Amino acid sequence: EPKAITVTAEAKTKVYGTADPALTYLVTGLVGNDKITSDPRRDAGENAGTYPIKQGDLTAGPNYVITFVPADFNIT
């Protein structure tokens, strides 16, 4: 049976017209040298506002079930 892990997105902010910062996250429950692959994604948009950061293609492989805790990406 796959092991449950939690991936918590970290909120990010950028100023309108600048490049997006890397989307980062915290992981609890991974075993040994196992790793997360891919990255979370945010909803498309470049205007000022709040965009949700979602799991996207982020995975830890077939041995894990991920609970993803989203966060906000703010453009000011």
C-alpha atoms as a PDB file:
ATOM      1  CA  GLU A   1       0.000   0.000   0.000  1.00  0.00           C
ATOM      2  CA  PRO A   2       1.377   3.454  -0.935  1.00  0.00           C
ATOM      3  CA  LYS A   3       2.629   5.684   1.888  1.00  0.00           C
ATOM      4  CA  ALA A   4       0.826   8.980   2.472  1.00  0.00           C
ATOM      5  CA  ILE A   5       2.959  12.126   2.277  1.00  0.00           C
ATOM      6  CA  THR A   6       2.124  15.812   2.480  1.00  0.00           C
ATOM      7  CA  VAL A   7       3.446  18.470   0.116  1.00  0.00           C
ATOM      8  CA  THR A   8       2.792  22.043   1.260  1.00  0.00           C
ATOM      9  CA  ALA A   9       3.248  24.836  -1.279  1.00  0.00           C
ATOM     10  CA  GLU A  10       4.941  28.003  -0.039  1.00  0.00           C
ATOM     11  CA  ALA A  11       3.191  31.289  -0.874  1.00  0.00           C
ATOM     12  CA  LYS A  12       5.029  33.552  -3.318  1.00  0.00           C
ATOM     13  CA  THR A  13       4.774  37.178  -4.422  1.00  0.00           C
ATOM     14  CA  LYS A  14       6.137  39.102  -7.375  1.00  0.00           C
ATOM     15  CA  VAL A  15       5.849  42.617  -8.721  1.00  0.00           C
ATOM     16  CA  TYR A  16       3.894  43.013 -11.968  1.00  0.00           C
ATOM     17  CA  GLY A  17       6.206  42.746 -14.974  1.00  0.00           C
ATOM     18  CA  THR A  18       8.976  40.802 -13.233  1.00  0.00           C
ATOM     19  CA  ALA A  19       9.916  37.134 -13.606  1.00  0.00           C
ATOM     20  CA  ASP A  20       8.171  34.510 -11.499  1.00  0.00           C
ATOM     21  CA  PRO A  21      10.135  33.260  -8.496  1.00  0.00           C
ATOM     22  CA  ALA A  22      10.635  29.509  -8.203  1.00  0.00           C
ATOM     23  CA  LEU A  23       7.658  27.718  -6.691  1.00  0.00           C
ATOM     24  CA  THR A  24       8.881  25.940  -3.580  1.00  0.00           C
ATOM     25  CA  TYR A  25       7.308  23.496  -1.169  1.00  0.00           C
ATOM     26  CA  LEU A  26       7.850  21.517   2.020  1.00  0.00           C
ATOM     27  CA  VAL A  27       7.525  17.720   2.121  1.00  0.00           C
ATOM     28  CA  THR A  28       6.761  15.498   5.081  1.00  0.00           C
ATOM     29  CA  GLY A  29       6.771  11.723   5.003  1.00  0.00           C
ATOM     30  CA  LEU A  30       9.274  10.818   2.258  1.00  0.00           C
ATOM     31  CA  VAL A  31      11.481   7.851   3.115  1.00  0.00           C
ATOM     32  CA  GLY A  32      15.249   7.588   2.633  1.00  0.00           C
ATOM     33  CA  ASN A  33      16.536   9.158  -0.575  1.00  0.00           C
ATOM     34  CA  ASP A  34      13.148   9.208  -2.322  1.00  0.00           C
ATOM     35  CA  LYS A  35      12.442  12.493  -4.089  1.00  0.00           C
ATOM     36  CA  ILE A  36       9.651  14.584  -5.505  1.00  0.00           C
ATOM     37  CA  THR A  37       9.758  15.005  -9.271  1.00  0.00           C
ATOM     38  CA  SER A  38       8.369  17.886 -11.310  1.00  0.00           C
ATOM     39  CA  ASP A  39       7.148  21.122  -9.763  1.00  0.00           C
ATOM     40  CA  PRO A  40       3.888  22.640  -8.601  1.00  0.00           C
ATOM     41  CA  ARG A  41       2.182  25.019 -11.025  1.00  0.00           C
ATOM     42  CA  ARG A  42       0.257  28.223 -10.670  1.00  0.00           C
ATOM     43  CA  ASP A  43      -2.755  29.305 -12.670  1.00  0.00           C
ATOM     44  CA  ALA A  44      -1.824  31.343 -15.732  1.00  0.00           C
ATOM     45  CA  GLY A  45      -1.981  35.119 -15.566  1.00  0.00           C
ATOM     46  CA  GLU A  46       0.298  38.132 -15.346  1.00  0.00           C
ATOM     47  CA  ASN A  47      -2.080  40.845 -14.137  1.00  0.00           C
ATOM     48  CA  ALA A  48      -2.106  41.978 -10.515  1.00  0.00           C
ATOM     49  CA  GLY A  49      -4.075  39.535  -8.408  1.00  0.00           C
ATOM     50  CA  THR A  50      -3.979  36.207  -6.613  1.00  0.00           C
ATOM     51  CA  TYR A  51      -3.402  32.916  -8.424  1.00  0.00           C
ATOM     52  CA  PRO A  52      -3.578  29.493  -6.750  1.00  0.00           C
ATOM     53  CA  ILE A  53      -0.482  27.300  -6.628  1.00  0.00           C
ATOM     54  CA  LYS A  54      -1.571  23.744  -7.468  1.00  0.00           C
ATOM     55  CA  GLN A  55       0.028  20.295  -7.509  1.00  0.00           C
ATOM     56  CA  GLY A  56       0.555  20.216 -11.276  1.00  0.00           C
ATOM     57  CA  ASP A  57       2.602  17.151 -12.350  1.00  0.00           C
ATOM     58  CA  LEU A  58       4.374  16.880  -8.996  1.00  0.00           C
ATOM     59  CA  THR A  59       4.780  13.224  -7.984  1.00  0.00           C
ATOM     60  CA  ALA A  60       6.820  10.982  -5.709  1.00  0.00           C
ATOM     61  CA  GLY A  61       6.188   7.835  -7.744  1.00  0.00           C
ATOM     62  CA  PRO A  62       3.871   4.857  -7.264  1.00  0.00           C
ATOM     63  CA  ASN A  63       4.960   4.185  -3.669  1.00  0.00           C
ATOM     64  CA  TYR A  64       3.358   7.408  -2.391  1.00  0.00           C
ATOM     65  CA  VAL A  65      -0.014   9.129  -2.271  1.00  0.00           C
ATOM     66  CA  ILE A  66       0.349  12.907  -2.075  1.00  0.00           C
ATOM     67  CA  THR A  67      -1.864  15.248  -0.103  1.00  0.00           C
ATOM     68  CA  PHE A  68      -1.138  18.649  -1.629  1.00  0.00           C
ATOM     69  CA  VAL A  69      -1.712  21.793   0.434  1.00  0.00           C
ATOM     70  CA  PRO A  70      -2.050  24.743  -1.973  1.00  0.00           C
ATOM     71  CA  ALA A  71      -0.906  28.321  -1.419  1.00  0.00           C
ATOM     72  CA  ASP A  72      -1.357  31.681  -3.133  1.00  0.00           C
ATOM     73  CA  PHE A  73       0.828  33.343  -5.743  1.00  0.00           C
ATOM     74  CA  ASN A  74       0.312  37.099  -5.568  1.00  0.00           C
ATOM     75  CA  ILE A  75       1.188  39.647  -8.226  1.00  0.00           C
ATOM     76  CA  THR A  76       1.314  43.197  -6.926  1.00  0.00           C
END
